[in-house]
Amino acid sequence: MAIEKISIENFTVFEKTELEFTQGINILIGENGTGKTHLMKVLYSACQATKQNVDFGQKLVRVMLPDDYKIARLVRRKPGNNTAKIKIVGVSNQKRKSLETQFSIKTKKWDAEIHGKDGWESELSDLSGIFIPAKEILSNSYNLNAAVQMNNVKFDDTYLDIINSSKIDISAGRNTFDKENKLKMMECITEGKTVYEAKADEFYLKVGNSKQEFNLVAEGIRKVALIWQLIKNGALEKGAVLFWDEPEANLNPVHIPIIVELLLMLQRNGVQVFVATHDYIMAKYFEVKREKEDKIMFFSFDPREKEKKGICYEKKEIFGDLKYNAIASSFNTLLDEIYDMGD
């Protein structure tokens, strides 16, 4: 079960783009404002729309949060372009189904045209999405959903959904040997286990016989503790699609190899992965640690023709083969400056 491809037209920074993904790990790189997060949010919304009670257009609005919840504001602003179109193709048990939406600058609220919803639900009902935002959120979980519903604070649905996924245990029985290995890998970083106390509606990091409030734990450790919790709860099993926005943010670089190894293990177990990153070390570690059967694809988003053609992209199986590589270019510029200092 996986997202196979997307066609996207006149949506935010994209003018007309079609991308085909690997069922393994898809690594998105590019400068800020090139649409990496927007793309992942669209795909995540499609994963959520496999549920009967989730409307694709409404979910898209709730993860993007345009002003006044108007989906029309997601149409790319350019003379002559007043309609956005999105088509996503998913595959399950060798059956392909598509989900399509269309809306214009005149569309009210989230009332977009949706096509293919019935087939998308029936054939891809086991396609579940998990979106991990760049900013850690579990330390702010207390009554957050209620506060958002009361309009006291404003968070997009990726934050609310990840909190709910962290609270609900959908696993059955004892941990498998494979799951235990993944949990122990994360514990090498956290040095403890994540605990959710429903009565207090709070998360804690338990180390030995003591527990520590999440907000007192370093943010990088909290992000890893979140992954530990998702694995423990059974949210990252075969058939899941994981979207992780900037996993390297606030993370000690020494822990990046462990995170990369975990993501490789997840894709070997049937989890499709999308990662948006600005980090050279993380991108290169996927090449260092990959095995022959691992499915990895690098996507580079190029903003140089943004005003004329929208965001362009290229994809390669090898990180160094990308012609436009913002991460590698920045790294090479730094090396040049270091060498110049020695002259």
C-alpha atoms as a PDB file:
ATOM      1  CA  MET A   1       0.000   0.000   0.000  1.00  0.00           C
ATOM      2  CA  ALA A   2       1.575   3.279  -1.050  1.00  0.00           C
ATOM      3  CA  ILE A   3       1.181   6.662  -2.682  1.00  0.00           C
ATOM      4  CA  GLU A   4       2.391   6.173  -6.254  1.00  0.00           C
ATOM      5  CA  LYS A   5       2.226   9.616  -7.860  1.00  0.00           C
ATOM      6  CA  ILE A   6       0.695  13.064  -7.785  1.00  0.00           C
ATOM      7  CA  SER A   7      -0.274  15.566 -10.470  1.00  0.00           C
ATOM      8  CA  ILE A   8      -0.599  19.088  -9.127  1.00  0.00           C
ATOM      9  CA  GLU A   9      -1.563  22.230 -11.040  1.00  0.00           C
ATOM     10  CA  ASN A  10      -1.871  25.890  -9.977  1.00  0.00           C
ATOM     11  CA  PHE A  11      -1.565  25.019  -6.286  1.00  0.00           C
ATOM     12  CA  THR A  12       0.438  27.340  -3.989  1.00  0.00           C
ATOM     13  CA  VAL A  13       3.981  27.447  -5.492  1.00  0.00           C
ATOM     14  CA  PHE A  14       3.343  24.711  -8.063  1.00  0.00           C
ATOM     15  CA  GLU A  15       2.245  25.637 -11.589  1.00  0.00           C
ATOM     16  CA  LYS A  16       2.140  22.200 -13.219  1.00  0.00           C
ATOM     17  CA  THR A  17       4.064  19.281 -11.742  1.00  0.00           C
ATOM     18  CA  GLU A  18       3.821  15.501 -11.764  1.00  0.00           C
ATOM     19  CA  LEU A  19       5.898  13.368  -9.398  1.00  0.00           C
ATOM     20  CA  GLU A  20       6.229   9.599  -9.147  1.00  0.00           C
ATOM     21  CA  PHE A  21       7.329   8.184  -5.814  1.00  0.00           C
ATOM     22  CA  THR A  22       9.084   5.088  -4.627  1.00  0.00           C
ATOM     23  CA  GLN A  23       7.330   2.769  -2.191  1.00  0.00           C
ATOM     24  CA  GLY A  24      10.364   3.122   0.072  1.00  0.00           C
ATOM     25  CA  ILE A  25      11.922   6.422   1.190  1.00  0.00           C
ATOM     26  CA  ASN A  26      11.301   9.686  -0.641  1.00  0.00           C
ATOM     27  CA  ILE A  27      13.693  12.472   0.397  1.00  0.00           C
ATOM     28  CA  LEU A  28      12.637  16.016  -0.488  1.00  0.00           C
ATOM     29  CA  ILE A  29      15.293  18.719  -0.550  1.00  0.00           C
ATOM     30  CA  GLY A  30      15.238  22.336  -1.645  1.00  0.00           C
ATOM     31  CA  GLU A  31      15.300  25.889  -0.386  1.00  0.00           C
ATOM     32  CA  ASN A  32      12.635  27.321   1.906  1.00  0.00           C
ATOM     33  CA  GLY A  33       9.462  28.178   0.031  1.00  0.00           C
ATOM     34  CA  THR A  34       9.847  25.506  -2.647  1.00  0.00           C
ATOM     35  CA  GLY A  35       6.776  23.544  -1.567  1.00  0.00           C
ATOM     36  CA  LYS A  36       8.243  20.516   0.234  1.00  0.00           C
ATOM     37  CA  THR A  37       5.927  20.786   3.233  1.00  0.00           C
ATOM     38  CA  HIS A  38       2.943  21.752   1.069  1.00  0.00           C
ATOM     39  CA  LEU A  39       3.441  18.622  -1.009  1.00  0.00           C
ATOM     40  CA  MET A  40       3.632  16.373   2.036  1.00  0.00           C
ATOM     41  CA  LYS A  41       0.509  17.968   3.514  1.00  0.00           C
ATOM     42  CA  VAL A  42      -1.444  17.305   0.321  1.00  0.00           C
ATOM     43  CA  LEU A  43      -0.369  13.655   0.325  1.00  0.00           C
ATOM     44  CA  TYR A  44      -1.112  13.348   4.037  1.00  0.00           C
ATOM     45  CA  SER A  45      -4.605  14.772   3.495  1.00  0.00           C
ATOM     46  CA  ALA A  46      -5.181  12.145   0.820  1.00  0.00           C
ATOM     47  CA  CYS A  47      -4.122   9.392   3.235  1.00  0.00           C
ATOM     48  CA  GLN A  48      -6.575  10.705   5.818  1.00  0.00           C
ATOM     49  CA  ALA A  49      -9.320  10.856   3.177  1.00  0.00           C
ATOM     50  CA  THR A  50      -9.374   7.045   3.017  1.00  0.00           C
ATOM     51  CA  LYS A  51     -11.579   7.337   6.118  1.00  0.00           C
ATOM     52  CA  GLN A  52     -15.311   7.608   5.461  1.00  0.00           C
ATOM     53  CA  ASN A  53     -15.727  10.593   7.772  1.00  0.00           C
ATOM     54  CA  VAL A  54     -12.907  12.683   6.254  1.00  0.00           C
ATOM     55  CA  ASP A  55     -13.492  14.995   3.297  1.00  0.00           C
ATOM     56  CA  PHE A  56     -10.367  15.579   1.208  1.00  0.00           C
ATOM     57  CA  GLY A  57     -11.067  19.264   0.587  1.00  0.00           C
ATOM     58  CA  GLN A  58     -11.828  20.014   4.212  1.00  0.00           C
ATOM     59  CA  LYS A  59      -8.762  18.108   5.423  1.00  0.00           C
ATOM     60  CA  LEU A  60      -6.602  19.995   2.954  1.00  0.00           C
ATOM     61  CA  VAL A  61      -7.836  23.270   4.419  1.00  0.00           C
ATOM     62  CA  ARG A  62      -7.326  22.117   7.984  1.00  0.00           C
ATOM     63  CA  VAL A  63      -3.694  21.100   7.411  1.00  0.00           C
ATOM     64  CA  MET A  64      -2.833  24.184   5.324  1.00  0.00           C
ATOM     65  CA  LEU A  65      -4.851  26.722   7.378  1.00  0.00           C
ATOM     66  CA  PRO A  66      -5.511  29.458   4.809  1.00  0.00           C
ATOM     67  CA  ASP A  67      -7.278  32.582   6.115  1.00  0.00           C
ATOM     68  CA  ASP A  68     -10.952  32.022   6.950  1.00  0.00           C
ATOM     69  CA  TYR A  69     -10.531  28.365   5.945  1.00  0.00           C
ATOM     70  CA  LYS A  70     -10.949  29.331   2.281  1.00  0.00           C
ATOM     71  CA  ILE A  71      -9.512  26.709  -0.044  1.00  0.00           C
ATOM     72  CA  ALA A  72      -9.582  29.335  -2.797  1.00  0.00           C
ATOM     73  CA  ARG A  73      -6.541  30.946  -1.177  1.00  0.00           C
ATOM     74  CA  LEU A  74      -4.490  27.861  -2.079  1.00  0.00           C
ATOM     75  CA  VAL A  75      -4.833  28.588  -5.807  1.00  0.00           C
ATOM     76  CA  ARG A  76      -1.524  29.807  -7.242  1.00  0.00           C
ATOM     77  CA  ARG A  77      -1.687  33.563  -7.732  1.00  0.00           C
ATOM     78  CA  LYS A  78      -0.806  34.226 -11.344  1.00  0.00           C
ATOM     79  CA  PRO A  79      -2.712  36.008 -14.155  1.00  0.00           C
ATOM     80  CA  GLY A  80      -4.794  33.531 -16.148  1.00  0.00           C
ATOM     81  CA  ASN A  81      -4.636  30.769 -13.547  1.00  0.00           C
ATOM     82  CA  ASN A  82      -7.790  30.619 -11.446  1.00  0.00           C
ATOM     83  CA  THR A  83      -8.289  26.874 -10.941  1.00  0.00           C
ATOM     84  CA  ALA A  84      -6.210  24.384  -8.972  1.00  0.00           C
ATOM     85  CA  LYS A  85      -6.225  20.668  -9.781  1.00  0.00           C
ATOM     86  CA  ILE A  86      -4.773  17.774  -7.803  1.00  0.00           C
ATOM     87  CA  LYS A  87      -4.746  14.072  -8.670  1.00  0.00           C
ATOM     88  CA  ILE A  88      -3.195  11.450  -6.417  1.00  0.00           C
ATOM     89  CA  VAL A  89      -2.745   7.799  -7.342  1.00  0.00           C
ATOM     90  CA  GLY A  90      -2.439   5.121  -4.685  1.00  0.00           C
ATOM     91  CA  VAL A  91      -1.832   1.404  -5.020  1.00  0.00           C
ATOM     92  CA  SER A  92      -2.897  -1.469  -2.780  1.00  0.00           C
ATOM     93  CA  ASN A  93      -2.691  -5.174  -3.647  1.00  0.00           C
ATOM     94  CA  GLN A  94      -1.784  -4.189  -7.229  1.00  0.00           C
ATOM     95  CA  LYS A  95      -5.004  -2.178  -7.551  1.00  0.00           C
ATOM     96  CA  ARG A  96      -4.656   1.505  -8.452  1.00  0.00           C
ATOM     97  CA  LYS A  97      -7.130   4.141  -7.426  1.00  0.00           C
ATOM     98  CA  SER A  98      -7.048   7.894  -7.871  1.00  0.00           C
ATOM     99  CA  LEU A  99      -8.394  10.753  -5.797  1.00  0.00           C
ATOM    100  CA  GLU A 100      -8.943  14.063  -7.528  1.00  0.00           C
ATOM    101  CA  THR A 101      -9.950  17.548  -6.469  1.00  0.00           C
ATOM    102  CA  GLN A 102     -10.528  20.807  -8.284  1.00  0.00           C
ATOM    103  CA  PHE A 103     -11.265  24.274  -6.927  1.00  0.00           C
ATOM    104  CA  SER A 104     -11.024  27.853  -8.095  1.00  0.00           C
ATOM    105  CA  ILE A 105     -10.615  31.343  -6.684  1.00  0.00           C
ATOM    106  CA  LYS A 106     -14.422  31.442  -6.467  1.00  0.00           C
ATOM    107  CA  THR A 107     -14.812  28.228  -4.456  1.00  0.00           C
ATOM    108  CA  LYS A 108     -16.431  28.863  -1.073  1.00  0.00           C
ATOM    109  CA  LYS A 109     -14.831  27.587   2.122  1.00  0.00           C
ATOM    110  CA  TRP A 110     -13.548  24.029   1.447  1.00  0.00           C
ATOM    111  CA  ASP A 111     -16.347  23.090  -0.984  1.00  0.00           C
ATOM    112  CA  ALA A 112     -14.010  21.679  -3.658  1.00  0.00           C
ATOM    113  CA  GLU A 113     -15.023  19.180  -6.326  1.00  0.00           C
ATOM    114  CA  ILE A 114     -13.919  15.682  -5.277  1.00  0.00           C
ATOM    115  CA  HIS A 115     -13.772  12.683  -7.614  1.00  0.00           C
ATOM    116  CA  GLY A 116     -12.912   9.055  -6.860  1.00  0.00           C
ATOM    117  CA  LYS A 117     -13.738   9.201  -3.140  1.00  0.00           C
ATOM    118  CA  ASP A 118     -15.700   5.903  -3.038  1.00  0.00           C
ATOM    119  CA  GLY A 119     -13.003   3.835  -4.756  1.00  0.00           C
ATOM    120  CA  TRP A 120     -10.286   5.556  -2.732  1.00  0.00           C
ATOM    121  CA  GLU A 121     -12.018   4.549   0.508  1.00  0.00           C
ATOM    122  CA  SER A 122     -12.887   0.976  -0.479  1.00  0.00           C
ATOM    123  CA  GLU A 123      -9.567  -0.049  -2.039  1.00  0.00           C
ATOM    124  CA  LEU A 124      -7.146   1.961   0.126  1.00  0.00           C
ATOM    125  CA  SER A 125      -8.913   1.811   3.482  1.00  0.00           C
ATOM    126  CA  ASP A 126      -5.785   0.364   5.119  1.00  0.00           C
ATOM    127  CA  LEU A 127      -3.621   3.290   3.947  1.00  0.00           C
ATOM    128  CA  SER A 128      -2.877   5.280   7.109  1.00  0.00           C
ATOM    129  CA  GLY A 129      -0.859   8.477   7.302  1.00  0.00           C
ATOM    130  CA  ILE A 130       1.309   9.870  10.089  1.00  0.00           C
ATOM    131  CA  PHE A 131       2.614  13.435   9.791  1.00  0.00           C
ATOM    132  CA  ILE A 132       5.352  14.639  12.147  1.00  0.00           C
ATOM    133  CA  PRO A 133       5.679  18.458  12.006  1.00  0.00           C
ATOM    134  CA  ALA A 134       9.013  20.224  12.254  1.00  0.00           C
ATOM    135  CA  LYS A 135       8.143  21.597  15.693  1.00  0.00           C
ATOM    136  CA  GLU A 136       7.677  19.228  18.635  1.00  0.00           C
ATOM    137  CA  ILE A 137       4.128  19.305  20.020  1.00  0.00           C
ATOM    138  CA  LEU A 138       3.615  16.601  22.682  1.00  0.00           C
ATOM    139  CA  SER A 139       4.859  18.922  25.432  1.00  0.00           C
ATOM    140  CA  ASN A 140       1.861  21.159  24.609  1.00  0.00           C
ATOM    141  CA  SER A 141      -0.697  18.376  24.339  1.00  0.00           C
ATOM    142  CA  TYR A 142      -2.689  19.242  27.471  1.00  0.00           C
ATOM    143  CA  ASN A 143      -6.230  20.176  26.336  1.00  0.00           C
ATOM    144  CA  LEU A 144      -4.854  21.405  22.995  1.00  0.00           C
ATOM    145  CA  ASN A 145      -7.666  19.886  20.952  1.00  0.00           C
ATOM    146  CA  ALA A 146     -10.274  21.566  23.146  1.00  0.00           C
ATOM    147  CA  ALA A 147      -8.450  24.899  22.965  1.00  0.00           C
ATOM    148  CA  VAL A 148      -8.371  24.740  19.156  1.00  0.00           C
ATOM    149  CA  GLN A 149     -12.086  23.898  18.991  1.00  0.00           C
ATOM    150  CA  MET A 150     -12.813  26.918  21.198  1.00  0.00           C
ATOM    151  CA  ASN A 151     -10.666  29.115  18.900  1.00  0.00           C
ATOM    152  CA  ASN A 152      -8.367  29.984  21.795  1.00  0.00           C
ATOM    153  CA  VAL A 153      -5.287  28.889  19.807  1.00  0.00           C
ATOM    154  CA  LYS A 154      -4.643  28.030  16.167  1.00  0.00           C
ATOM    155  CA  PHE A 155      -2.825  24.853  15.138  1.00  0.00           C
ATOM    156  CA  ASP A 156      -3.178  22.961  11.878  1.00  0.00           C
ATOM    157  CA  ASP A 157      -4.437  19.378  11.908  1.00  0.00           C
ATOM    158  CA  THR A 158      -0.997  17.824  11.578  1.00  0.00           C
ATOM    159  CA  TYR A 159      -0.326  18.848  15.195  1.00  0.00           C
ATOM    160  CA  LEU A 160      -3.698  17.700  16.502  1.00  0.00           C
ATOM    161  CA  ASP A 161      -3.563  14.404  14.613  1.00  0.00           C
ATOM    162  CA  ILE A 162      -0.084  13.479  15.824  1.00  0.00           C
ATOM    163  CA  ILE A 163      -1.143  14.072  19.427  1.00  0.00           C
ATOM    164  CA  ASN A 164      -4.145  11.772  18.957  1.00  0.00           C
ATOM    165  CA  SER A 165      -2.000   9.102  17.285  1.00  0.00           C
ATOM    166  CA  SER A 166       0.413   9.241  20.214  1.00  0.00           C
ATOM    167  CA  LYS A 167      -2.366   8.713  22.753  1.00  0.00           C
ATOM    168  CA  ILE A 168      -4.130   5.768  21.125  1.00  0.00           C
ATOM    169  CA  ASP A 169      -2.550   2.299  21.275  1.00  0.00           C
ATOM    170  CA  ILE A 170      -3.697   0.244  18.269  1.00  0.00           C
ATOM    171  CA  SER A 171      -1.160  -2.554  18.707  1.00  0.00           C
ATOM    172  CA  ALA A 172      -2.278  -5.980  19.878  1.00  0.00           C
ATOM    173  CA  GLY A 173      -0.461  -8.362  22.190  1.00  0.00           C
ATOM    174  CA  ARG A 174       3.217  -8.373  23.038  1.00  0.00           C
ATOM    175  CA  ASN A 175       5.838  -6.491  21.081  1.00  0.00           C
ATOM    176  CA  THR A 176       7.405  -8.399  18.218  1.00  0.00           C
ATOM    177  CA  PHE A 177      11.155  -8.920  18.110  1.00  0.00           C
ATOM    178  CA  ASP A 178      11.379  -6.379  15.288  1.00  0.00           C
ATOM    179  CA  LYS A 179       9.417  -3.771  17.237  1.00  0.00           C
ATOM    180  CA  GLU A 180      11.573  -4.302  20.317  1.00  0.00           C
ATOM    181  CA  ASN A 181      14.683  -3.669  18.218  1.00  0.00           C
ATOM    182  CA  LYS A 182      13.273  -0.389  16.939  1.00  0.00           C
ATOM    183  CA  LEU A 183      12.278   0.731  20.441  1.00  0.00           C
ATOM    184  CA  LYS A 184      15.734  -0.071  21.808  1.00  0.00           C
ATOM    185  CA  MET A 185      17.327   1.946  18.996  1.00  0.00           C
ATOM    186  CA  MET A 186      15.307   4.987  20.054  1.00  0.00           C
ATOM    187  CA  GLU A 187      16.105   4.382  23.714  1.00  0.00           C
ATOM    188  CA  CYS A 188      19.792   4.748  22.844  1.00  0.00           C
ATOM    189  CA  ILE A 189      18.920   8.401  22.276  1.00  0.00           C
ATOM    190  CA  THR A 190      16.179   9.069  24.827  1.00  0.00           C
ATOM    191  CA  GLU A 191      17.644   6.833  27.568  1.00  0.00           C
ATOM    192  CA  GLY A 192      14.046   6.209  28.619  1.00  0.00           C
ATOM    193  CA  LYS A 193      10.515   5.390  27.533  1.00  0.00           C
ATOM    194  CA  THR A 194       7.562   7.624  26.674  1.00  0.00           C
ATOM    195  CA  VAL A 195       4.587   7.477  29.016  1.00  0.00           C
ATOM    196  CA  TYR A 196       1.152   9.014  28.467  1.00  0.00           C
ATOM    197  CA  GLU A 197      -1.019   9.568  31.542  1.00  0.00           C
ATOM    198  CA  ALA A 198      -4.612   9.966  30.384  1.00  0.00           C
ATOM    199  CA  LYS A 199      -5.904  11.413  33.661  1.00  0.00           C
ATOM    200  CA  ALA A 200      -3.440  14.287  33.522  1.00  0.00           C
ATOM    201  CA  ASP A 201      -3.480  14.374  29.697  1.00  0.00           C
ATOM    202  CA  GLU A 202       0.309  14.738  29.778  1.00  0.00           C
ATOM    203  CA  PHE A 203       3.330  12.963  28.310  1.00  0.00           C
ATOM    204  CA  TYR A 204       6.403  12.059  30.369  1.00  0.00           C
ATOM    205  CA  LEU A 205       9.809  10.525  29.746  1.00  0.00           C
ATOM    206  CA  LYS A 206      10.314   7.649  32.147  1.00  0.00           C
ATOM    207  CA  VAL A 207      13.922   6.845  33.032  1.00  0.00           C
ATOM    208  CA  GLY A 208      14.218   3.950  35.464  1.00  0.00           C
ATOM    209  CA  ASN A 209      11.752   4.557  38.298  1.00  0.00           C
ATOM    210  CA  SER A 210      11.497   8.299  37.761  1.00  0.00           C
ATOM    211  CA  LYS A 211       9.598  10.335  35.202  1.00  0.00           C
ATOM    212  CA  GLN A 212      10.196  13.783  33.819  1.00  0.00           C
ATOM    213  CA  GLU A 213       7.712  16.257  32.373  1.00  0.00           C
ATOM    214  CA  PHE A 214       8.011  16.456  28.595  1.00  0.00           C
ATOM    215  CA  ASN A 215       8.509  20.215  28.619  1.00  0.00           C
ATOM    216  CA  LEU A 216      11.650  19.728  30.760  1.00  0.00           C
ATOM    217  CA  VAL A 217      13.197  17.362  28.215  1.00  0.00           C
ATOM    218  CA  ALA A 218      15.371  18.706  25.370  1.00  0.00           C
ATOM    219  CA  GLU A 219      13.302  19.225  22.218  1.00  0.00           C
ATOM    220  CA  GLY A 220      15.449  16.910  20.091  1.00  0.00           C
ATOM    221  CA  ILE A 221      14.959  14.126  22.630  1.00  0.00           C
ATOM    222  CA  ARG A 222      11.194  14.808  22.672  1.00  0.00           C
ATOM    223  CA  LYS A 223      11.036  14.316  18.891  1.00  0.00           C
ATOM    224  CA  VAL A 224      12.725  10.927  19.190  1.00  0.00           C
ATOM    225  CA  ALA A 225      10.467  10.049  22.131  1.00  0.00           C
ATOM    226  CA  LEU A 226       7.499  10.763  19.859  1.00  0.00           C
ATOM    227  CA  ILE A 227       8.788   8.247  17.303  1.00  0.00           C
ATOM    228  CA  TRP A 228       9.250   5.729  20.148  1.00  0.00           C
ATOM    229  CA  GLN A 229       5.604   6.243  21.131  1.00  0.00           C
ATOM    230  CA  LEU A 230       4.310   5.841  17.565  1.00  0.00           C
ATOM    231  CA  ILE A 231       6.222   2.595  17.135  1.00  0.00           C
ATOM    232  CA  LYS A 232       5.045   1.321  20.511  1.00  0.00           C
ATOM    233  CA  ASN A 233       1.410   2.194  19.709  1.00  0.00           C
ATOM    234  CA  GLY A 234       1.504   0.352  16.393  1.00  0.00           C
ATOM    235  CA  ALA A 235       1.037   3.472  14.239  1.00  0.00           C
ATOM    236  CA  LEU A 236       4.103   2.714  12.092  1.00  0.00           C
ATOM    237  CA  GLU A 237       3.371  -0.760  10.819  1.00  0.00           C
ATOM    238  CA  LYS A 238       3.182  -2.166   7.282  1.00  0.00           C
ATOM    239  CA  GLY A 239       0.848  -0.067   5.139  1.00  0.00           C
ATOM    240  CA  ALA A 240       1.476   3.183   6.981  1.00  0.00           C
ATOM    241  CA  VAL A 241       2.823   6.287   5.260  1.00  0.00           C
ATOM    242  CA  LEU A 242       5.140   8.421   7.384  1.00  0.00           C
ATOM    243  CA  PHE A 243       5.652  12.101   6.598  1.00  0.00           C
ATOM    244  CA  TRP A 244       8.414  13.772   8.632  1.00  0.00           C
ATOM    245  CA  ASP A 245       9.177  17.453   8.183  1.00  0.00           C
ATOM    246  CA  GLU A 246      12.808  18.308   9.047  1.00  0.00           C
ATOM    247  CA  PRO A 247      13.649  15.398  11.379  1.00  0.00           C
ATOM    248  CA  GLU A 248      17.092  16.944  11.936  1.00  0.00           C
ATOM    249  CA  ALA A 249      15.642  20.074  13.596  1.00  0.00           C
ATOM    250  CA  ASN A 250      16.967  20.414  17.185  1.00  0.00           C
ATOM    251  CA  LEU A 251      18.505  16.952  16.949  1.00  0.00           C
ATOM    252  CA  ASN A 252      22.091  16.295  18.019  1.00  0.00           C
ATOM    253  CA  PRO A 253      23.946  15.393  14.774  1.00  0.00           C
ATOM    254  CA  VAL A 254      25.449  12.368  16.505  1.00  0.00           C
ATOM    255  CA  HIS A 255      21.954  10.819  16.566  1.00  0.00           C
ATOM    256  CA  ILE A 256      21.211  11.282  12.859  1.00  0.00           C
ATOM    257  CA  PRO A 257      22.706   7.877  11.826  1.00  0.00           C
ATOM    258  CA  ILE A 258      20.316   6.144  14.241  1.00  0.00           C
ATOM    259  CA  ILE A 259      17.309   8.000  12.826  1.00  0.00           C
ATOM    260  CA  VAL A 260      18.355   7.122   9.278  1.00  0.00           C
ATOM    261  CA  GLU A 261      18.777   3.464  10.230  1.00  0.00           C
ATOM    262  CA  LEU A 262      15.320   3.465  11.812  1.00  0.00           C
ATOM    263  CA  LEU A 263      13.714   4.931   8.680  1.00  0.00           C
ATOM    264  CA  LEU A 264      15.470   2.320   6.555  1.00  0.00           C
ATOM    265  CA  MET A 265      14.127  -0.412   8.839  1.00  0.00           C
ATOM    266  CA  LEU A 266      10.614   1.000   8.592  1.00  0.00           C
ATOM    267  CA  GLN A 267      10.649   0.966   4.786  1.00  0.00           C
ATOM    268  CA  ARG A 268      11.973  -2.596   4.818  1.00  0.00           C
ATOM    269  CA  ASN A 269       8.904  -3.464   6.906  1.00  0.00           C
ATOM    270  CA  GLY A 270       6.483  -1.919   4.400  1.00  0.00           C
ATOM    271  CA  VAL A 271       6.203   1.680   5.635  1.00  0.00           C
ATOM    272  CA  GLN A 272       6.426   4.315   2.910  1.00  0.00           C
ATOM    273  CA  VAL A 273       8.441   7.335   4.074  1.00  0.00           C
ATOM    274  CA  PHE A 274       8.531  10.986   3.002  1.00  0.00           C
ATOM    275  CA  VAL A 275      11.221  13.193   4.554  1.00  0.00           C
ATOM    276  CA  ALA A 276      11.811  16.899   3.939  1.00  0.00           C
ATOM    277  CA  THR A 277      15.313  17.904   4.998  1.00  0.00           C
ATOM    278  CA  HIS A 278      17.903  20.684   4.751  1.00  0.00           C
ATOM    279  CA  ASP A 279      20.625  18.573   6.326  1.00  0.00           C
ATOM    280  CA  TYR A 280      23.640  17.338   4.334  1.00  0.00           C
ATOM    281  CA  ILE A 281      24.589  14.739   6.948  1.00  0.00           C
ATOM    282  CA  MET A 282      21.141  13.168   6.964  1.00  0.00           C
ATOM    283  CA  ALA A 283      20.906  13.065   3.165  1.00  0.00           C
ATOM    284  CA  LYS A 284      24.332  11.453   2.832  1.00  0.00           C
ATOM    285  CA  TYR A 285      23.698   8.901   5.575  1.00  0.00           C
ATOM    286  CA  PHE A 286      20.863   7.435   3.519  1.00  0.00           C
ATOM    287  CA  GLU A 287      23.484   6.587   0.899  1.00  0.00           C
ATOM    288  CA  VAL A 288      25.988   5.314   3.442  1.00  0.00           C
ATOM    289  CA  LYS A 289      23.556   3.014   5.235  1.00  0.00           C
ATOM    290  CA  ARG A 290      21.324   1.851   2.394  1.00  0.00           C
ATOM    291  CA  GLU A 291      21.366  -1.785   1.359  1.00  0.00           C
ATOM    292  CA  LYS A 292      20.982  -3.074  -2.183  1.00  0.00           C
ATOM    293  CA  GLU A 293      17.262  -3.815  -1.839  1.00  0.00           C
ATOM    294  CA  ASP A 294      16.388  -0.494  -0.183  1.00  0.00           C
ATOM    295  CA  LYS A 295      14.199   1.801  -2.265  1.00  0.00           C
ATOM    296  CA  ILE A 296      15.348   5.427  -1.943  1.00  0.00           C
ATOM    297  CA  MET A 297      14.635   8.414  -4.171  1.00  0.00           C
ATOM    298  CA  PHE A 298      15.926  11.987  -3.838  1.00  0.00           C
ATOM    299  CA  PHE A 299      13.777  14.880  -5.072  1.00  0.00           C
ATOM    300  CA  SER A 300      15.308  18.324  -5.538  1.00  0.00           C
ATOM    301  CA  PHE A 301      12.956  21.318  -5.816  1.00  0.00           C
ATOM    302  CA  ASP A 302      14.403  24.139  -7.909  1.00  0.00           C
ATOM    303  CA  PRO A 303      13.022  27.679  -7.362  1.00  0.00           C
ATOM    304  CA  ARG A 304      15.072  29.403 -10.070  1.00  0.00           C
ATOM    305  CA  GLU A 305      12.161  29.559 -12.536  1.00  0.00           C
ATOM    306  CA  LYS A 306       9.547  30.036  -9.809  1.00  0.00           C
ATOM    307  CA  GLU A 307       8.044  33.242 -11.202  1.00  0.00           C
ATOM    308  CA  LYS A 308       7.849  31.931 -14.785  1.00  0.00           C
ATOM    309  CA  LYS A 309       7.180  28.215 -14.473  1.00  0.00           C
ATOM    310  CA  GLY A 310       6.544  27.608 -10.788  1.00  0.00           C
ATOM    311  CA  ILE A 311       8.705  25.164  -8.846  1.00  0.00           C
ATOM    312  CA  CYS A 312      10.590  22.642 -10.988  1.00  0.00           C
ATOM    313  CA  TYR A 313      12.080  19.411  -9.694  1.00  0.00           C
ATOM    314  CA  GLU A 314      14.344  16.529 -10.557  1.00  0.00           C
ATOM    315  CA  LYS A 315      14.696  13.097  -8.992  1.00  0.00           C
ATOM    316  CA  LYS A 316      17.651  10.744  -8.689  1.00  0.00           C
ATOM    317  CA  GLU A 317      18.454   7.558  -6.815  1.00  0.00           C
ATOM    318  CA  ILE A 318      21.853   9.004  -5.863  1.00  0.00           C
ATOM    319  CA  PHE A 319      22.070  12.229  -3.839  1.00  0.00           C
ATOM    320  CA  GLY A 320      25.225  13.405  -5.611  1.00  0.00           C
ATOM    321  CA  ASP A 321      23.641  12.984  -9.055  1.00  0.00           C
ATOM    322  CA  LEU A 322      21.195  15.853  -8.510  1.00  0.00           C
ATOM    323  CA  LYS A 323      22.052  18.750 -10.824  1.00  0.00           C
ATOM    324  CA  TYR A 324      20.409  21.344  -8.588  1.00  0.00           C
ATOM    325  CA  ASN A 325      21.306  20.460  -5.018  1.00  0.00           C
ATOM    326  CA  ALA A 326      20.840  23.297  -2.533  1.00  0.00           C
ATOM    327  CA  ILE A 327      22.222  21.229   0.361  1.00  0.00           C
ATOM    328  CA  ALA A 328      25.403  20.136  -1.427  1.00  0.00           C
ATOM    329  CA  SER A 329      25.941  23.627  -2.868  1.00  0.00           C
ATOM    330  CA  SER A 330      25.801  25.214   0.590  1.00  0.00           C
ATOM    331  CA  PHE A 331      28.151  22.586   1.961  1.00  0.00           C
ATOM    332  CA  ASN A 332      30.629  23.154  -0.865  1.00  0.00           C
ATOM    333  CA  THR A 333      30.474  26.920  -0.347  1.00  0.00           C
ATOM    334  CA  LEU A 334      31.360  26.435   3.308  1.00  0.00           C
ATOM    335  CA  LEU A 335      34.325  24.236   2.384  1.00  0.00           C
ATOM    336  CA  ASP A 336      35.555  26.856  -0.095  1.00  0.00           C
ATOM    337  CA  GLU A 337      35.436  29.548   2.588  1.00  0.00           C
ATOM    338  CA  ILE A 338      37.316  27.295   5.029  1.00  0.00           C
ATOM    339  CA  TYR A 339      40.004  26.612   2.438  1.00  0.00           C
ATOM    340  CA  ASP A 340      40.253  30.365   1.661  1.00  0.00           C
ATOM    341  CA  MET A 341      40.925  31.059   5.352  1.00  0.00           C
ATOM    342  CA  GLY A 342      43.951  28.771   5.196  1.00  0.00           C
ATOM    343  CA  ASP A 343      45.516  30.558   2.242  1.00  0.00           C
END
